[in-house]
């Protein structure tokens, strides 16, 4: 499998290099040269395949013989040890629950797959691999759980001080061993910028083997496509066209859906649901991409003002003859394939209450944004079946959820045990010089 940089198709890497390096030297993102179509017989008979078998089929199609089948089966069977069930709200609305993994967030799928894949590629290396990851909430916990005690790999998680929930922070800061947390005085975008600068620093990369665990790494993106197939198989073959509504921050989840669609999954349409950090919905409306500083909201994992995976979305849809203006050239096809909606915190709170009262279902703030967007889309597209990606367990936002609902909600034991554990994090100014110096001193 060969991949190229979204900034230069001549910048090529094989799968191992793309996964272990994370980011091309030109600050683009890796994309596969070929996105193959899966056999129609496979698509028609998804219900005959287990979740793990779906993952193996997708990976074999993309990777070819790059990884032996037995090794790939071991990677997938270890990574995918929890379900992705679809819960029906009514005849037109469904919830895809992606919070049944160890960190109670959808990012467990990508983080565990990537940990297994990197561990496989890193088996014969003598020097430690240092993984840098920026998080707005859920990524850090998933990566920490996925890579915990993985031999030969150290993980450094950067998170914005005061901008993640208490239990999210405990997931990042209480494991120890090979997991280190940096509490940055800034926003998620600041954390992400520090990580990207580190990858583009030649001297730093000469001294330290660096890689990324954010969705900028193709190894995070590919496994996120699996659960689109898994969700699709759980709906009846007969019925209205299926649309996916994706609560979106860095847009890796939605990009993974586009990958599944390109591979042949008959997804009728995508809905990008955001909070007031609405740069992509604004782009879909106007054709102008205007990133800005992120603003803090109730749905904190979506507080991203310059989503990295937008570059991959543009790459999928751009007209190649218009390479001088790829963002503009991608707009026509992208807005036909994706509808974008954005909502305030007050609307989000109202949606949490509505879903609880109407369906007796407890939906987290991110899923609530998705519910609002699907509602709005289906007003003009009523003959569709919509699947909302419920990206995190509501107990991860315990204080806000209990305040909104006015009653206690159950906290799964694997999260509840973190409450009284001691936080261990290194506070850091939003300074690349300080971050660089810290890395060199510690690794």
Protein backbone atom coordinates (compact mmCIF):
# COMPACT_ATOMS: atom_id res chain seq x y z
CA UNK A 1 0.00 0.00 0.00
CA UNK A 2 1.42 3.37 -1.04
CA UNK A 3 0.23 6.72 0.26
CA UNK A 4 0.90 10.32 -0.76
CA UNK A 5 0.85 13.68 0.95
CA UNK A 6 -2.21 15.85 0.38
CA UNK A 7 0.22 18.68 -0.34
CA UNK A 8 2.37 16.84 -2.87
CA UNK A 9 1.51 13.62 -4.68
CA UNK A 10 5.21 13.02 -5.30
CA UNK A 11 5.78 12.73 -1.54
CA UNK A 12 5.16 8.99 -1.23
CA UNK A 13 5.34 6.56 1.70
CA UNK A 14 4.53 2.91 2.22
CA UNK A 15 2.14 1.90 5.00
CA UNK A 16 4.79 1.41 7.68
CA UNK A 17 6.42 4.77 7.04
CA UNK A 18 3.07 6.58 6.94
CA UNK A 19 1.91 4.98 10.19
CA UNK A 20 5.15 5.36 12.12
CA UNK A 21 5.94 8.84 10.84
CA UNK A 22 2.36 10.09 11.16
CA UNK A 23 2.81 13.30 9.21
CA UNK A 24 4.66 14.00 5.93
CA UNK A 25 7.54 16.47 6.02
CA UNK A 26 5.51 18.98 3.99
CA UNK A 27 2.81 19.17 6.72
CA UNK A 28 0.22 17.47 4.51
CA UNK A 29 -1.66 14.33 5.47
CA UNK A 30 -1.19 10.85 4.10
CA UNK A 31 -3.85 9.46 1.76
CA UNK A 32 -3.92 6.14 -0.10
CA UNK A 33 -3.22 6.33 -3.84
CA UNK A 34 -6.05 3.89 -4.41
CA UNK A 35 -9.32 3.44 -2.52
CA UNK A 36 -10.56 0.11 -3.86
CA UNK A 37 -14.21 -0.85 -4.14
CA UNK A 38 -15.17 -3.85 -2.04
CA UNK A 39 -16.99 -6.71 -3.80
CA UNK A 40 -20.72 -6.10 -4.16
CA UNK A 41 -21.39 -9.55 -2.74
CA UNK A 42 -19.65 -8.49 0.48
CA UNK A 43 -21.68 -5.27 0.68
CA UNK A 44 -24.93 -7.13 0.05
CA UNK A 45 -24.20 -9.72 2.74
CA UNK A 46 -22.64 -7.68 5.54
CA UNK A 47 -24.81 -9.45 8.09
CA UNK A 48 -22.86 -12.65 7.38
CA UNK A 49 -19.66 -11.09 8.73
CA UNK A 50 -18.57 -10.36 12.29
CA UNK A 51 -17.25 -6.91 13.20
CA UNK A 52 -13.69 -8.29 13.20
CA UNK A 53 -14.21 -9.94 9.80
CA UNK A 54 -15.45 -6.65 8.37
CA UNK A 55 -12.28 -4.94 9.62
CA UNK A 56 -10.09 -7.64 8.10
CA UNK A 57 -11.91 -7.38 4.76
CA UNK A 58 -11.49 -3.58 4.64
CA UNK A 59 -7.81 -3.77 5.63
CA UNK A 60 -6.99 -6.54 3.15
CA UNK A 61 -8.59 -4.49 0.39
CA UNK A 62 -6.50 -1.43 1.28
CA UNK A 63 -3.25 -3.11 2.36
CA UNK A 64 -3.12 -5.99 -0.10
CA UNK A 65 -0.44 -8.43 1.07
CA UNK A 66 1.58 -5.79 2.94
CA UNK A 67 0.71 -7.49 6.26
CA UNK A 68 0.28 -11.29 6.31
CA UNK A 69 -3.33 -12.33 6.85
CA UNK A 70 -2.61 -14.19 10.11
CA UNK A 71 -0.87 -11.12 11.58
CA UNK A 72 -3.70 -8.87 10.43
CA UNK A 73 -6.24 -11.18 12.05
CA UNK A 74 -4.30 -11.01 15.32
CA UNK A 75 -4.23 -7.19 15.15
CA UNK A 76 -7.98 -6.90 14.48
CA UNK A 77 -9.09 -9.56 16.93
CA UNK A 78 -7.10 -7.85 19.68
CA UNK A 79 -8.22 -4.32 18.76
CA UNK A 80 -11.94 -4.95 18.25
CA UNK A 81 -13.03 -6.58 21.50
CA UNK A 82 -16.17 -4.52 22.11
CA UNK A 83 -19.35 -3.94 20.09
CA UNK A 84 -20.80 -1.00 18.15
CA UNK A 85 -24.55 -1.54 18.57
CA UNK A 86 -27.29 0.41 16.81
CA UNK A 87 -30.21 1.52 19.00
CA UNK A 88 -33.47 2.53 17.36
CA UNK A 89 -35.19 5.72 18.54
CA UNK A 90 -38.03 5.62 15.99
CA UNK A 91 -38.65 4.57 12.39
CA UNK A 92 -36.36 7.30 11.01
CA UNK A 93 -33.74 7.80 13.73
CA UNK A 94 -31.09 5.48 15.12
CA UNK A 95 -28.11 5.80 17.47
CA UNK A 96 -24.77 4.11 16.78
CA UNK A 97 -23.24 3.64 20.23
CA UNK A 98 -19.48 3.95 19.98
CA UNK A 99 -18.72 4.16 23.69
CA UNK A 100 -18.41 0.51 24.71
CA UNK A 101 -14.60 0.47 24.69
CA UNK A 102 -12.21 0.98 27.63
CA UNK A 103 -12.25 4.80 27.55
CA UNK A 104 -15.99 5.06 26.74
CA UNK A 105 -15.41 6.96 23.48
CA UNK A 106 -15.43 6.17 19.76
CA UNK A 107 -11.72 6.84 19.60
CA UNK A 108 -11.06 3.50 21.30
CA UNK A 109 -11.53 1.81 17.92
CA UNK A 110 -8.81 3.82 16.21
CA UNK A 111 -6.47 4.00 19.20
CA UNK A 112 -6.48 0.25 19.87
CA UNK A 113 -6.01 -0.60 16.20
CA UNK A 114 -3.17 1.89 15.90
CA UNK A 115 -1.50 0.60 19.07
CA UNK A 116 -1.56 -2.94 17.70
CA UNK A 117 -0.34 -1.85 14.27
CA UNK A 118 2.46 0.32 15.63
CA UNK A 119 3.48 -2.42 18.05
CA UNK A 120 3.65 -4.80 15.08
CA UNK A 121 5.81 -2.42 13.04
CA UNK A 122 7.98 -1.51 16.06
CA UNK A 123 8.91 -5.08 17.06
CA UNK A 124 12.48 -4.98 15.74
CA UNK A 125 13.34 -1.36 16.62
CA UNK A 126 15.84 -0.67 19.38
CA UNK A 127 15.04 3.02 20.05
CA UNK A 128 11.82 4.01 21.78
CA UNK A 129 9.02 5.48 19.72
CA UNK A 130 7.55 8.65 21.25
CA UNK A 131 3.93 9.27 20.27
CA UNK A 132 2.63 12.83 20.52
CA UNK A 133 -1.11 13.40 20.70
CA UNK A 134 -3.20 16.53 21.17
CA UNK A 135 -6.65 16.05 22.67
CA UNK A 136 -9.78 18.14 23.10
CA UNK A 137 -11.22 15.51 25.40
CA UNK A 138 -11.70 11.94 24.21
CA UNK A 139 -8.65 11.21 22.03
CA UNK A 140 -6.22 11.35 24.92
CA UNK A 141 -8.13 8.86 27.06
CA UNK A 142 -8.49 6.42 24.19
CA UNK A 143 -4.82 6.68 23.21
CA UNK A 144 -3.73 6.32 26.84
CA UNK A 145 -5.82 3.17 27.25
CA UNK A 146 -4.85 1.78 23.85
CA UNK A 147 -1.09 2.20 24.25
CA UNK A 148 -0.82 1.60 28.00
CA UNK A 149 2.24 -0.56 28.70
CA UNK A 150 2.91 -1.19 25.00
CA UNK A 151 6.59 -2.23 24.86
CA UNK A 152 8.97 0.25 23.24
CA UNK A 153 6.40 3.06 22.97
CA UNK A 154 6.09 6.23 25.09
CA UNK A 155 3.00 8.44 24.82
CA UNK A 156 2.88 12.21 25.46
CA UNK A 157 -0.63 13.70 25.61
CA UNK A 158 -1.15 17.46 25.30
CA UNK A 159 -4.48 18.80 26.54
CA UNK A 160 -5.85 22.34 27.05
CA UNK A 161 -5.89 23.37 30.70
CA UNK A 162 -9.39 23.76 32.11
CA UNK A 163 -11.09 22.73 28.87
CA UNK A 164 -11.72 19.01 29.38
CA UNK A 165 -14.14 17.43 31.84
CA UNK A 166 -12.88 16.15 35.20
CA UNK A 167 -13.25 12.48 34.29
CA UNK A 168 -11.73 13.03 30.85
CA UNK A 169 -8.73 14.62 32.55
CA UNK A 170 -8.41 11.72 34.98
CA UNK A 171 -8.27 9.31 32.02
CA UNK A 172 -5.25 11.23 30.70
CA UNK A 173 -3.38 11.85 33.93
CA UNK A 174 -3.70 8.83 36.20
CA UNK A 175 -2.24 5.86 34.31
CA UNK A 176 1.48 6.63 34.55
CA UNK A 177 3.94 4.02 33.28
CA UNK A 178 4.49 4.97 29.59
CA UNK A 179 1.74 7.63 29.53
CA UNK A 180 2.67 11.28 30.26
CA UNK A 181 0.25 14.21 30.27
CA UNK A 182 1.11 17.84 29.47
CA UNK A 183 -1.44 20.41 30.60
CA UNK A 184 -1.09 23.31 28.15
CA UNK A 185 -2.15 26.87 28.90
CA UNK A 186 -4.15 27.27 25.67
CA UNK A 187 -6.77 25.71 23.41
CA UNK A 188 -6.90 22.38 21.60
CA UNK A 189 -5.76 24.16 18.44
CA UNK A 190 -2.69 25.37 20.34
CA UNK A 191 -1.95 21.81 21.46
CA UNK A 192 -2.37 20.53 17.91
CA UNK A 193 -0.08 23.27 16.56
CA UNK A 194 2.66 22.29 19.05
CA UNK A 195 2.45 18.66 17.94
CA UNK A 196 2.61 19.58 14.24
CA UNK A 197 5.62 21.86 14.79
CA UNK A 198 7.43 19.03 16.54
CA UNK A 199 6.91 16.72 13.57
CA UNK A 200 8.31 19.34 11.21
CA UNK A 201 11.40 20.05 13.35
CA UNK A 202 14.37 18.30 11.65
CA UNK A 203 16.71 18.45 14.65
CA UNK A 204 14.08 17.13 17.04
CA UNK A 205 13.27 14.24 14.70
CA UNK A 206 16.96 13.42 14.40
CA UNK A 207 17.18 12.95 18.16
CA UNK A 208 13.78 11.39 18.89
CA UNK A 209 11.64 8.88 16.98
CA UNK A 210 8.32 10.72 16.84
CA UNK A 211 4.88 9.69 15.65
CA UNK A 212 1.29 10.86 16.05
CA UNK A 213 -1.84 9.25 17.45
CA UNK A 214 -4.25 11.98 16.38
CA UNK A 215 -6.61 11.38 13.47
CA UNK A 216 -3.93 12.98 11.30
CA UNK A 217 -2.39 9.48 11.41
CA UNK A 218 -3.88 7.24 8.73
CA UNK A 219 -3.83 4.34 11.21
CA UNK A 220 -6.49 6.15 13.27
CA UNK A 221 -8.65 6.89 10.27
CA UNK A 222 -8.89 3.44 8.65
CA UNK A 223 -10.42 1.57 11.62
CA UNK A 224 -13.01 4.30 12.09
CA UNK A 225 -14.43 3.24 8.73
CA UNK A 226 -15.19 -0.25 10.09
CA UNK A 227 -18.15 0.81 12.21
CA UNK A 228 -19.94 2.45 9.30
CA UNK A 229 -20.14 -1.01 7.74
CA UNK A 230 -21.02 -2.50 11.13
CA UNK A 231 -23.86 0.00 11.62
CA UNK A 232 -25.19 -0.42 8.09
CA UNK A 233 -25.48 -4.20 8.50
CA UNK A 234 -27.69 -3.76 11.59
CA UNK A 235 -30.41 -1.93 9.65
CA UNK A 236 -32.90 -3.74 7.48
CA UNK A 237 -31.87 -4.04 3.84
CA UNK A 238 -35.31 -2.80 2.91
CA UNK A 239 -36.21 0.79 3.68
CA UNK A 240 -35.39 4.41 3.02
CA UNK A 241 -31.85 5.51 2.09
CA UNK A 242 -29.38 5.65 5.00
CA UNK A 243 -27.69 8.89 6.07
CA UNK A 244 -25.05 9.24 8.76
CA UNK A 245 -25.05 12.23 11.11
CA UNK A 246 -21.58 12.82 12.53
CA UNK A 247 -20.86 15.14 15.49
CA UNK A 248 -17.63 16.68 14.25
CA UNK A 249 -14.53 18.35 15.66
CA UNK A 250 -11.34 17.41 13.85
CA UNK A 251 -13.45 15.63 11.19
CA UNK A 252 -11.60 12.33 11.28
CA UNK A 253 -14.82 10.45 11.99
CA UNK A 254 -16.63 11.94 9.02
CA UNK A 255 -13.63 11.42 6.74
CA UNK A 256 -13.63 7.75 7.73
CA UNK A 257 -17.25 7.60 6.61
CA UNK A 258 -16.27 9.09 3.27
CA UNK A 259 -13.65 6.34 2.99
CA UNK A 260 -16.31 3.68 3.64
CA UNK A 261 -18.55 5.26 1.03
CA UNK A 262 -15.71 5.31 -1.51
CA UNK A 263 -15.17 1.61 -0.82
CA UNK A 264 -18.75 0.88 -1.84
CA UNK A 265 -20.93 1.27 1.25
CA UNK A 266 -24.18 2.80 -0.11
CA UNK A 267 -24.39 5.80 2.21
CA UNK A 268 -26.93 8.23 0.80
CA UNK A 269 -25.65 11.39 2.51
CA UNK A 270 -23.54 12.73 5.38
CA UNK A 271 -24.49 15.36 7.94
CA UNK A 272 -21.70 17.29 9.65
CA UNK A 273 -22.97 18.48 13.03
CA UNK A 274 -20.93 21.03 15.01
CA UNK A 275 -21.25 23.40 17.91
CA UNK A 276 -20.45 27.08 17.38
CA UNK A 277 -17.02 26.06 16.06
CA UNK A 278 -18.64 25.88 12.65
CA UNK A 279 -15.88 26.47 10.10
CA UNK A 280 -16.86 23.44 8.00
CA UNK A 281 -20.63 24.08 7.93
CA UNK A 282 -19.78 27.69 7.04
CA UNK A 283 -17.55 26.42 4.21
CA UNK A 284 -20.28 24.11 2.93
CA UNK A 285 -22.61 27.11 2.87
CA UNK A 286 -20.26 29.66 1.26
CA UNK A 287 -17.35 27.85 -0.37
CA UNK A 288 -14.91 29.85 1.77
CA UNK A 289 -12.79 28.05 4.35
CA UNK A 290 -12.01 30.46 7.18
CA UNK A 291 -10.40 28.73 10.17
CA UNK A 292 -10.35 30.62 13.45
CA UNK A 293 -9.51 30.18 17.09
CA UNK A 294 -11.73 27.58 18.73
CA UNK A 295 -14.28 28.55 21.38
CA UNK A 296 -15.16 26.54 24.45
CA UNK A 297 -18.56 24.81 24.46
CA UNK A 298 -20.58 22.16 26.26
CA UNK A 299 -19.56 19.60 23.59
CA UNK A 300 -15.86 20.14 24.28
CA UNK A 301 -14.43 17.33 22.12
CA UNK A 302 -15.73 19.28 19.10
CA UNK A 303 -14.06 22.56 20.06
CA UNK A 304 -11.81 22.74 17.01
CA UNK A 305 -11.36 25.88 14.93
CA UNK A 306 -9.06 24.48 12.23
CA UNK A 307 -9.87 20.78 11.74
CA UNK A 308 -6.91 18.85 10.38
CA UNK A 309 -8.90 16.29 8.41
CA UNK A 310 -10.51 18.98 6.30
CA UNK A 311 -7.42 18.58 4.09
CA UNK A 312 -8.37 14.95 3.47
CA UNK A 313 -11.97 15.92 2.71
CA UNK A 314 -10.74 18.44 0.16
CA UNK A 315 -8.40 15.85 -1.32
CA UNK A 316 -11.30 13.43 -1.84
CA UNK A 317 -13.49 15.96 -3.61
CA UNK A 318 -11.15 18.42 -5.32
CA UNK A 319 -11.00 18.67 -9.10
CA UNK A 320 -7.42 17.67 -9.89
CA UNK A 321 -7.25 20.03 -12.85
CA UNK A 322 -7.79 22.91 -10.41
CA UNK A 323 -4.87 22.22 -8.09
CA UNK A 324 -4.14 25.91 -7.61
CA UNK A 325 -7.37 26.25 -5.63
CA UNK A 326 -8.22 22.82 -4.22
CA UNK A 327 -10.44 24.16 -1.44
CA UNK A 328 -12.60 26.06 -3.93
CA UNK A 329 -12.65 23.24 -6.47
CA UNK A 330 -13.81 20.70 -3.87
CA UNK A 331 -16.77 22.77 -2.74
CA UNK A 332 -19.37 21.79 -5.34
CA UNK A 333 -19.11 18.04 -4.89
CA UNK A 334 -18.55 18.26 -1.14
CA UNK A 335 -21.66 20.32 -0.45
CA UNK A 336 -23.70 17.86 -2.50
CA UNK A 337 -22.41 14.97 -0.39
CA UNK A 338 -22.40 16.64 3.04
CA UNK A 339 -24.84 18.95 4.80
CA UNK A 340 -23.53 21.06 7.66
CA UNK A 341 -25.35 22.39 10.73
CA UNK A 342 -24.16 24.17 13.88
CA UNK A 343 -25.85 24.64 17.27
CA UNK A 344 -25.49 26.64 20.47
CA UNK A 345 -25.04 25.19 23.95
CA UNK A 346 -28.60 26.14 24.89
CA UNK A 347 -29.97 24.21 21.91
CA UNK A 348 -27.74 21.28 22.84
CA UNK A 349 -29.11 21.22 26.39
CA UNK A 350 -32.67 21.31 25.06
CA UNK A 351 -31.88 18.35 22.79
CA UNK A 352 -30.50 16.29 25.70
CA UNK A 353 -33.79 16.87 27.54
CA UNK A 354 -35.91 16.16 24.47
CA UNK A 355 -34.25 12.84 23.70
CA UNK A 356 -34.52 11.78 27.33
CA UNK A 357 -38.21 12.66 27.55
CA UNK A 358 -39.28 11.52 24.08
CA UNK A 359 -37.27 8.31 23.78
CA UNK A 360 -36.16 7.54 27.37
CA UNK A 361 -32.58 7.62 26.07
CA UNK A 362 -29.68 9.49 27.65
CA UNK A 363 -27.63 11.13 24.94
CA UNK A 364 -24.38 13.00 25.58
CA UNK A 365 -23.86 16.64 24.43
CA UNK A 366 -22.02 15.61 21.26
CA UNK A 367 -24.71 13.15 20.24
CA UNK A 368 -27.31 15.79 21.09
CA UNK A 369 -25.75 18.11 18.50
CA UNK A 370 -26.06 15.23 16.03
CA UNK A 371 -29.71 14.73 16.99
CA UNK A 372 -30.46 18.40 16.28
CA UNK A 373 -28.73 18.22 12.89
CA UNK A 374 -30.53 15.03 11.86
CA UNK A 375 -33.86 16.56 12.88
CA UNK A 376 -33.18 19.59 10.73
CA UNK A 377 -32.00 17.54 7.75
CA UNK A 378 -35.02 15.22 7.88
CA UNK A 379 -37.46 18.13 7.81
CA UNK A 380 -36.60 18.55 4.12
CA UNK A 381 -35.53 14.92 3.58
CA UNK A 382 -38.18 12.92 5.46
CA UNK A 383 -37.78 9.69 3.52
CA UNK A 384 -34.39 8.81 5.02
CA UNK A 385 -33.13 6.66 7.86
CA UNK A 386 -30.60 8.58 9.92
CA UNK A 387 -27.86 7.09 12.10
CA UNK A 388 -26.42 9.45 14.71
CA UNK A 389 -22.92 8.63 15.90
CA UNK A 390 -23.03 8.71 19.71
CA UNK A 391 -19.35 9.31 20.25
CA UNK A 392 -18.98 9.18 24.04
CA UNK A 393 -20.77 7.85 27.09
CA UNK A 394 -22.81 10.62 28.76
CA UNK A 395 -21.15 9.98 32.15
CA UNK A 396 -17.91 11.45 30.77
CA UNK A 397 -19.68 14.82 31.10
CA UNK A 398 -21.19 14.00 34.46
CA UNK A 399 -21.63 17.45 36.00
CA UNK A 400 -23.23 18.97 32.91
CA UNK A 401 -25.43 15.95 32.22
CA UNK A 402 -26.78 15.79 35.76
CA UNK A 403 -27.32 19.55 35.80
CA UNK A 404 -29.28 19.39 32.52
CA UNK A 405 -31.35 16.32 33.38
CA UNK A 406 -31.87 17.14 37.03
CA UNK A 407 -31.04 13.63 38.24
CA UNK A 408 -28.10 11.30 38.69
CA UNK A 409 -26.87 9.17 35.80
CA UNK A 410 -25.03 5.88 36.04
CA UNK A 411 -21.25 5.97 35.76
CA UNK A 412 -19.66 2.75 34.44
CA UNK A 413 -17.26 1.22 36.93
CA UNK A 414 -14.19 1.62 34.70
CA UNK A 415 -14.76 5.38 34.74
CA UNK A 416 -16.00 5.72 38.32
CA UNK A 417 -12.78 4.25 39.74
CA UNK A 418 -10.81 7.19 38.32
CA UNK A 419 -12.61 9.84 40.38
CA UNK A 420 -10.35 9.59 43.43
CA UNK A 421 -7.09 8.87 41.64
CA UNK A 422 -4.40 11.53 41.80
CA UNK A 423 -3.88 13.66 38.72
CA UNK A 424 -0.27 13.77 37.48
CA UNK A 425 0.39 16.31 34.73
CA UNK A 426 3.14 18.71 33.75
CA UNK A 427 1.83 22.26 33.33
CA UNK A 428 3.26 24.02 30.27
CA UNK A 429 2.91 27.44 28.68
CA UNK A 430 1.76 27.58 25.08
CA UNK A 431 5.34 27.82 23.86
CA UNK A 432 6.97 25.62 21.24
CA UNK A 433 10.41 26.41 22.67
CA UNK A 434 9.33 25.10 26.08
CA UNK A 435 7.69 22.02 24.55
CA UNK A 436 10.73 21.26 22.41
CA UNK A 437 13.08 21.67 25.37
CA UNK A 438 10.92 19.37 27.50
CA UNK A 439 10.96 16.65 24.85
CA UNK A 440 14.72 16.81 24.43
CA UNK A 441 15.27 16.68 28.18
CA UNK A 442 12.96 13.71 28.69
CA UNK A 443 13.57 11.59 25.57
